Protein backbone atom coordinates (compact mmCIF):
# COMPACT_ATOMS: atom_id res chain seq x y z
CA UNK A 1 102.29 87.83 121.85
CA UNK A 2 104.03 86.72 118.66
CA UNK A 3 106.68 84.02 118.53
CA UNK A 4 109.89 85.01 116.82
CA UNK A 5 110.29 83.76 113.26
CA UNK A 6 113.10 84.12 110.73
CA UNK A 7 110.83 85.86 108.20
CA UNK A 8 111.05 89.62 107.80
CA UNK A 9 107.94 91.24 106.32
CA UNK A 10 105.05 89.09 105.16
CA UNK A 11 102.14 90.27 103.02
CA UNK A 12 98.78 88.54 102.82
CA UNK A 13 95.89 89.13 100.40
CA UNK A 14 92.63 88.32 102.12
CA UNK A 15 88.89 88.22 101.90
CA UNK A 16 86.64 87.29 104.81
CA UNK A 17 86.58 84.34 107.20
CA UNK A 18 89.06 81.95 105.53
CA UNK A 19 91.53 84.73 104.85
CA UNK A 20 91.17 86.11 108.37
CA UNK A 21 91.92 82.68 109.85
CA UNK A 22 95.17 82.52 107.90
CA UNK A 23 96.01 86.12 108.77
CA UNK A 24 95.56 85.32 112.46
CA UNK A 25 97.93 82.37 112.15
CA UNK A 26 100.49 84.60 110.46
CA UNK A 27 100.05 87.26 113.15
CA UNK A 28 101.15 84.76 115.78
CA UNK A 29 104.26 83.50 113.97
CA UNK A 30 105.55 86.63 112.19
CA UNK A 31 107.54 89.14 114.27
CA UNK A 32 105.36 91.87 115.74
CA UNK A 33 104.60 94.65 113.27
CA UNK A 34 105.95 92.72 110.27
CA UNK A 35 102.66 91.48 108.84
CA UNK A 36 100.59 93.45 106.33
CA UNK A 37 97.15 92.23 105.27
CA UNK A 38 95.62 93.71 102.11
CA UNK A 39 91.87 93.21 102.34
CA UNK A 40 89.11 93.03 99.74
CA UNK A 41 86.64 95.93 99.83
CA UNK A 42 84.47 94.77 96.92
CA UNK A 43 81.94 93.55 99.50
CA UNK A 44 81.58 97.03 101.02
CA UNK A 45 78.19 98.69 100.87
CA UNK A 46 76.00 101.31 102.49
CA UNK A 47 73.22 100.06 104.73
CA UNK A 48 70.95 102.03 107.04
CA UNK A 49 73.04 105.08 106.13
CA UNK A 50 76.24 103.42 107.38
CA UNK A 51 79.43 102.47 105.53
CA UNK A 52 79.97 98.77 106.12
CA UNK A 53 83.17 96.88 105.20
CA UNK A 54 82.46 93.21 105.96
CA UNK A 55 85.86 91.73 105.05
CA UNK A 56 87.80 94.50 106.78
CA UNK A 57 85.64 94.06 109.87
CA UNK A 58 86.21 90.30 109.90
CA UNK A 59 89.96 90.92 109.72
CA UNK A 60 89.82 93.57 112.45
CA UNK A 61 87.81 91.40 114.84
CA UNK A 62 89.87 88.28 114.12
CA UNK A 63 93.27 89.92 114.62
CA UNK A 64 92.05 91.74 117.73
CA UNK A 65 90.77 88.49 119.26
CA UNK A 66 87.18 89.75 119.18
CA UNK A 67 85.67 87.53 116.47
CA UNK A 68 82.72 85.28 117.15
CA UNK A 69 84.34 81.81 117.31
CA UNK A 70 81.18 80.08 116.10
CA UNK A 71 80.70 82.07 112.89
CA UNK A 72 84.16 83.51 112.23
CA UNK A 73 82.55 86.90 111.53
CA UNK A 74 80.98 89.47 113.81
CA UNK A 75 81.92 90.05 117.44
CA UNK A 76 81.88 87.45 120.17
CA UNK A 77 79.42 87.96 123.03
CA UNK A 78 77.39 90.28 120.81
CA UNK A 79 74.03 91.71 121.85
CA UNK A 80 71.13 92.59 119.55
CA UNK A 81 69.06 95.35 121.17
CA UNK A 82 69.42 97.60 118.13
CA UNK A 83 68.15 94.97 115.70
CA UNK A 84 65.24 94.09 117.98
CA UNK A 85 64.23 97.73 118.22
CA UNK A 86 64.65 98.20 114.45
CA UNK A 87 62.44 95.19 113.78
CA UNK A 88 59.74 96.64 116.04
CA UNK A 89 59.66 99.70 113.76
CA UNK A 90 59.38 97.57 110.62
CA UNK A 91 62.94 98.39 109.56
CA UNK A 92 65.20 96.27 107.37
CA UNK A 93 66.79 93.48 109.40
CA UNK A 94 68.07 91.12 106.69
CA UNK A 95 71.64 92.31 107.32
CA UNK A 96 72.13 91.94 111.04
CA UNK A 97 74.23 94.47 112.92
CA UNK A 98 75.04 93.67 116.54
CA UNK A 99 75.27 96.43 119.10
CA UNK A 100 79.07 96.34 119.41
CA UNK A 101 79.48 95.93 115.66
CA UNK A 102 77.21 98.92 115.11
CA UNK A 103 79.64 101.15 116.99
CA UNK A 104 82.38 100.36 114.46
CA UNK A 105 80.13 101.23 111.50
CA UNK A 106 78.98 104.48 113.09
CA UNK A 107 82.55 105.56 113.80
CA UNK A 108 83.78 104.59 110.33
CA UNK A 109 80.91 106.47 108.69
CA UNK A 110 81.52 109.55 110.81
CA UNK A 111 85.20 109.66 109.88
CA UNK A 112 84.61 109.02 106.19
CA UNK A 113 82.04 111.82 106.06
CA UNK A 114 84.62 114.07 107.71
CA UNK A 115 86.93 113.45 104.74
CA UNK A 116 89.24 110.76 106.10
CA UNK A 117 90.23 107.88 103.83
CA UNK A 118 89.22 104.30 104.50
CA UNK A 119 92.94 103.51 104.86
CA UNK A 120 93.37 106.04 107.65
CA UNK A 121 90.17 105.03 109.42
CA UNK A 122 91.18 101.35 109.31
CA UNK A 123 94.68 102.12 110.58
CA UNK A 124 93.35 104.12 113.54
CA UNK A 125 90.78 101.50 114.50
CA UNK A 126 93.38 98.71 114.27
CA UNK A 127 95.68 100.70 116.55
CA UNK A 128 92.90 101.27 119.08
CA UNK A 129 92.21 97.53 119.06
CA UNK A 130 95.89 96.79 119.72
CA UNK A 131 96.49 94.91 116.46
CA UNK A 132 100.23 94.44 115.84
CA UNK A 133 99.85 94.27 112.06
CA UNK A 134 99.07 96.64 109.23
CA UNK A 135 95.58 96.25 107.76
CA UNK A 136 95.14 97.89 104.36
CA UNK A 137 91.92 98.20 102.38
CA UNK A 138 92.73 97.42 98.75
CA UNK A 139 91.53 100.86 97.64
CA UNK A 140 90.12 104.08 99.05
CA UNK A 141 87.85 104.32 96.00
CA UNK A 142 84.55 102.48 95.80
CA UNK A 143 84.69 99.10 94.05
CA UNK A 144 81.52 97.04 94.25
CA UNK A 145 81.14 93.35 93.43
CA UNK A 146 78.05 92.72 91.31
CA UNK A 147 76.68 89.22 90.74
CA UNK A 148 74.75 88.40 87.57
CA UNK A 149 72.23 85.68 88.48
CA UNK A 150 69.15 83.96 87.16
CA UNK A 151 67.04 86.57 88.97
CA UNK A 152 69.03 89.54 87.66
CA UNK A 153 72.14 91.46 88.70
CA UNK A 154 72.53 91.74 92.46
CA UNK A 155 74.76 93.73 94.75
CA UNK A 156 77.04 91.28 96.50
CA UNK A 157 75.40 91.55 99.93
CA UNK A 158 71.97 91.03 98.37
CA UNK A 159 73.27 87.83 96.79
CA UNK A 160 75.29 86.67 99.78
CA UNK A 161 73.09 87.62 102.74
CA UNK A 162 69.58 88.54 101.60
CA UNK A 163 69.35 85.64 99.11
CA UNK A 164 71.74 83.29 101.00
CA UNK A 165 73.77 82.57 97.80
CA UNK A 166 70.79 80.68 96.35
CA UNK A 167 70.47 82.34 92.91
CA UNK A 168 72.44 80.71 90.11
CA UNK A 169 75.52 82.77 89.19
CA UNK A 170 76.21 83.57 85.53
CA UNK A 171 78.92 86.22 85.83
CA UNK A 172 80.77 88.51 88.24
CA UNK A 173 81.94 92.06 87.72
CA UNK A 174 83.63 94.66 89.89
CA UNK A 175 81.92 97.96 89.31
CA UNK A 176 84.28 100.91 89.58
CA UNK A 177 87.48 98.84 89.53
CA UNK A 178 88.71 100.24 86.21
CA UNK A 179 88.51 103.79 87.56
CA UNK A 180 89.83 102.96 91.03
CA UNK A 181 93.40 102.41 92.10
CA UNK A 182 95.24 100.49 94.77
CA UNK A 183 96.29 102.82 97.55
CA UNK A 184 99.82 104.17 97.77
CA UNK A 185 100.26 101.98 100.86
CA UNK A 186 99.26 98.85 98.94
CA UNK A 187 101.63 99.67 96.08
CA UNK A 188 104.50 100.38 98.45
CA UNK A 189 103.88 97.13 100.32
CA UNK A 190 103.84 94.94 97.22
CA UNK A 191 107.08 96.49 95.92
CA UNK A 192 108.97 96.64 99.23
CA UNK A 193 112.38 94.95 98.95
CA UNK A 194 112.23 93.47 102.47
CA UNK A 195 109.09 91.40 101.90
CA UNK A 196 109.87 87.68 102.16
CA UNK A 197 106.56 86.25 100.93
CA UNK A 198 103.22 87.32 99.50
CA UNK A 199 100.50 84.90 100.58
CA UNK A 200 97.15 84.71 98.81
CA UNK A 201 94.96 83.44 101.64
CA UNK A 202 92.40 80.63 101.20
CA UNK A 203 89.66 83.12 100.37
CA UNK A 204 87.20 82.78 97.50
CA UNK A 205 89.35 83.50 94.40
CA UNK A 206 86.42 84.86 92.40
CA UNK A 207 84.63 86.94 95.03
CA UNK A 208 87.38 87.94 97.46
CA UNK A 209 90.73 87.97 95.65
CA UNK A 210 89.69 88.92 92.12
CA UNK A 211 88.42 92.37 93.23
CA UNK A 212 91.96 93.11 94.47
CA UNK A 213 93.48 91.80 91.25
CA UNK A 214 90.99 93.84 89.19
CA UNK A 215 92.51 97.12 90.38
CA UNK A 216 94.72 98.68 87.69
CA UNK A 217 98.36 97.75 88.19
CA UNK A 218 97.98 95.15 90.95
CA UNK A 219 98.68 92.14 88.73
CA UNK A 220 101.79 93.82 87.38
CA UNK A 221 102.97 94.67 90.89
CA UNK A 222 102.62 91.01 91.85
CA UNK A 223 104.47 89.91 88.72
CA UNK A 224 107.32 92.30 89.49
CA UNK A 225 107.48 91.59 93.24
CA UNK A 226 110.80 90.23 94.45
CA UNK A 227 109.07 88.00 97.01
CA UNK A 228 107.51 84.69 95.95
CA UNK A 229 103.72 84.71 95.59
CA UNK A 230 102.03 81.65 97.11
CA UNK A 231 98.33 80.80 97.02
CA UNK A 232 96.66 78.54 99.58
CA UNK A 233 93.88 76.43 98.13
CA UNK A 234 90.40 77.41 99.37
CA UNK A 235 89.18 73.89 98.58
CA UNK A 236 89.46 70.81 100.78
CA UNK A 237 88.40 67.48 99.32
CA UNK A 238 86.69 69.20 96.41
CA UNK A 239 84.59 71.50 98.58
CA UNK A 240 84.86 74.83 100.33
CA UNK A 241 85.01 74.84 104.13
CA UNK A 242 82.72 77.88 104.22
CA UNK A 243 80.99 80.01 101.65
CA UNK A 244 79.89 79.56 98.03
CA UNK A 245 83.26 78.97 96.32
CA UNK A 246 82.44 75.49 94.97
CA UNK A 247 78.88 76.47 94.02
CA UNK A 248 80.07 79.48 92.05
CA UNK A 249 82.79 77.48 90.31
CA UNK A 250 80.25 74.90 89.16
CA UNK A 251 77.79 77.54 87.97
CA UNK A 252 80.51 79.38 86.04
CA UNK A 253 81.51 76.13 84.35
CA UNK A 254 84.80 75.82 86.24
CA UNK A 255 86.02 72.46 87.51
CA UNK A 256 85.79 72.38 91.32
CA UNK A 257 89.45 71.54 91.76
CA UNK A 258 92.52 73.18 93.30
CA UNK A 259 94.11 72.84 89.85
CA UNK A 260 91.47 75.19 88.43
CA UNK A 261 92.19 77.67 91.24
CA UNK A 262 95.92 77.55 90.49
CA UNK A 263 95.28 78.02 86.78
CA UNK A 264 92.99 80.95 87.58
CA UNK A 265 95.86 82.77 89.30
CA UNK A 266 98.18 81.65 86.52
CA UNK A 267 101.56 83.29 86.10
CA UNK A 268 101.16 85.30 89.30
CA UNK A 269 102.09 82.25 91.38
CA UNK A 270 105.47 80.86 92.38
CA UNK A 271 103.99 78.22 94.66
CA UNK A 272 100.76 76.62 95.78
CA UNK A 273 99.63 75.05 99.07
CA UNK A 274 97.41 72.02 98.49
CA UNK A 275 95.36 70.25 101.14
CA UNK A 276 96.34 66.66 101.96
CA UNK A 277 92.82 65.51 101.01
CA UNK A 278 93.50 66.74 97.47
CA UNK A 279 96.98 65.22 97.16
CA UNK A 280 95.96 63.51 93.92
CA UNK A 281 95.96 66.97 92.28
CA UNK A 282 99.69 67.43 92.94
CA UNK A 283 100.66 65.71 89.68
CA UNK A 284 98.48 68.11 87.72
CA UNK A 285 100.10 71.09 89.41
CA UNK A 286 103.55 69.64 88.64
CA UNK A 287 102.48 69.27 85.01
CA UNK A 288 101.90 73.02 84.74
CA UNK A 289 105.25 73.68 86.43
CA UNK A 290 103.90 74.95 89.75
CA UNK A 291 105.84 73.92 92.89
CA UNK A 292 103.43 72.62 95.51
CA UNK A 293 103.33 72.08 99.26
CA UNK A 294 100.91 69.42 100.46
CA UNK A 295 99.66 70.27 103.96
CA UNK A 296 96.65 70.01 106.23
CA UNK A 297 94.92 73.31 105.46
CA UNK A 298 91.84 72.82 107.66
CA UNK A 299 91.99 75.55 110.34
CA UNK A 300 89.66 74.64 113.19
CA UNK A 301 91.81 75.97 116.04
CA UNK A 302 94.39 78.67 116.64
CA UNK A 303 97.05 75.95 116.75
CA UNK A 304 95.95 74.84 113.27
CA UNK A 305 96.26 78.39 111.98
CA UNK A 306 99.72 78.86 113.45
CA UNK A 307 100.89 75.49 112.13
CA UNK A 308 99.72 76.24 108.59
CA UNK A 309 101.27 79.71 108.77
CA UNK A 310 104.64 78.25 109.81
CA UNK A 311 104.53 75.55 107.14
CA UNK A 312 103.64 78.09 104.46
CA UNK A 313 106.46 80.44 105.48
CA UNK A 314 108.94 77.57 105.61
CA UNK A 315 107.81 76.64 102.12
CA UNK A 316 108.22 80.23 100.94
CA UNK A 317 111.84 80.18 102.10
CA UNK A 318 112.49 77.12 99.93
CA UNK A 319 111.29 79.09 96.91
CA UNK A 320 113.62 81.98 97.66
CA UNK A 321 113.59 85.41 96.08
CA UNK A 322 112.61 85.82 92.48
CA UNK A 323 115.36 86.67 90.06
CA UNK A 324 114.60 89.08 87.28
CA UNK A 325 111.31 90.07 85.72
CA UNK A 326 108.36 87.73 85.66
CA UNK A 327 107.05 86.69 82.25
């Protein structure tokens, strides 16, 4: 399935739809079995008695070729008998679970209650789906994104789904992060000597990537990694393709600019991928000493995703391995 590429192991940090699109492009251009995707679990929550991992599920469905092509999340050709029956009983239907999707949540919950870790459950499901990549939840401990808004503090899914991102955001926090830890698999991946590049996917930096970075030790692991760390801008022409990235940046008083995203990641980065529609920002990135690739980052088709993956990996090779300890 995958075309041969000169890269060895590639690591991606990902949230939901945008990150999964990039991960799918990488899956098709990195040698089989050589891609690892570390996925945000700050969005995870319990609903209807089930353990739901939205970003992990988006990655699983995308890399297995099962994702709904219209939404980027959920399963294609989904049916909704469960939700229709639940609605007839007066049950909560604000978070919609399709019939096929429901099976994944039931199986995950069953295994977690039996004492298995989220890492093991995810690995087994990915293998059953035939995914030729390693999918790693960022932690096996519970970390929950909480959004402080003008109507109070909300669990992430309440903000994102129930309230459709409408409340004004004042702050974000990641409950449980200080007591959690990245898994042993995540730590081993970030420190592996045969990794050629660590790609921060074009996911929401504040909602999807920051929960990973909030785990104790992750920032230091990225600073010490031998492979270059490259972020792909989640903004195109001053806006997000999908999701509330630009809205949240404005409400937090952050300039809606790729430069602000790059500065947010700061010293973690060795390179940055900037969309062609934001090429005027390249001078600002040069001024802070950050090497930049200008590319078309809009991923409408699988060809787009593969092209951007190839261009990003080619760019990573120009940066080479880091030498010595990061400042």
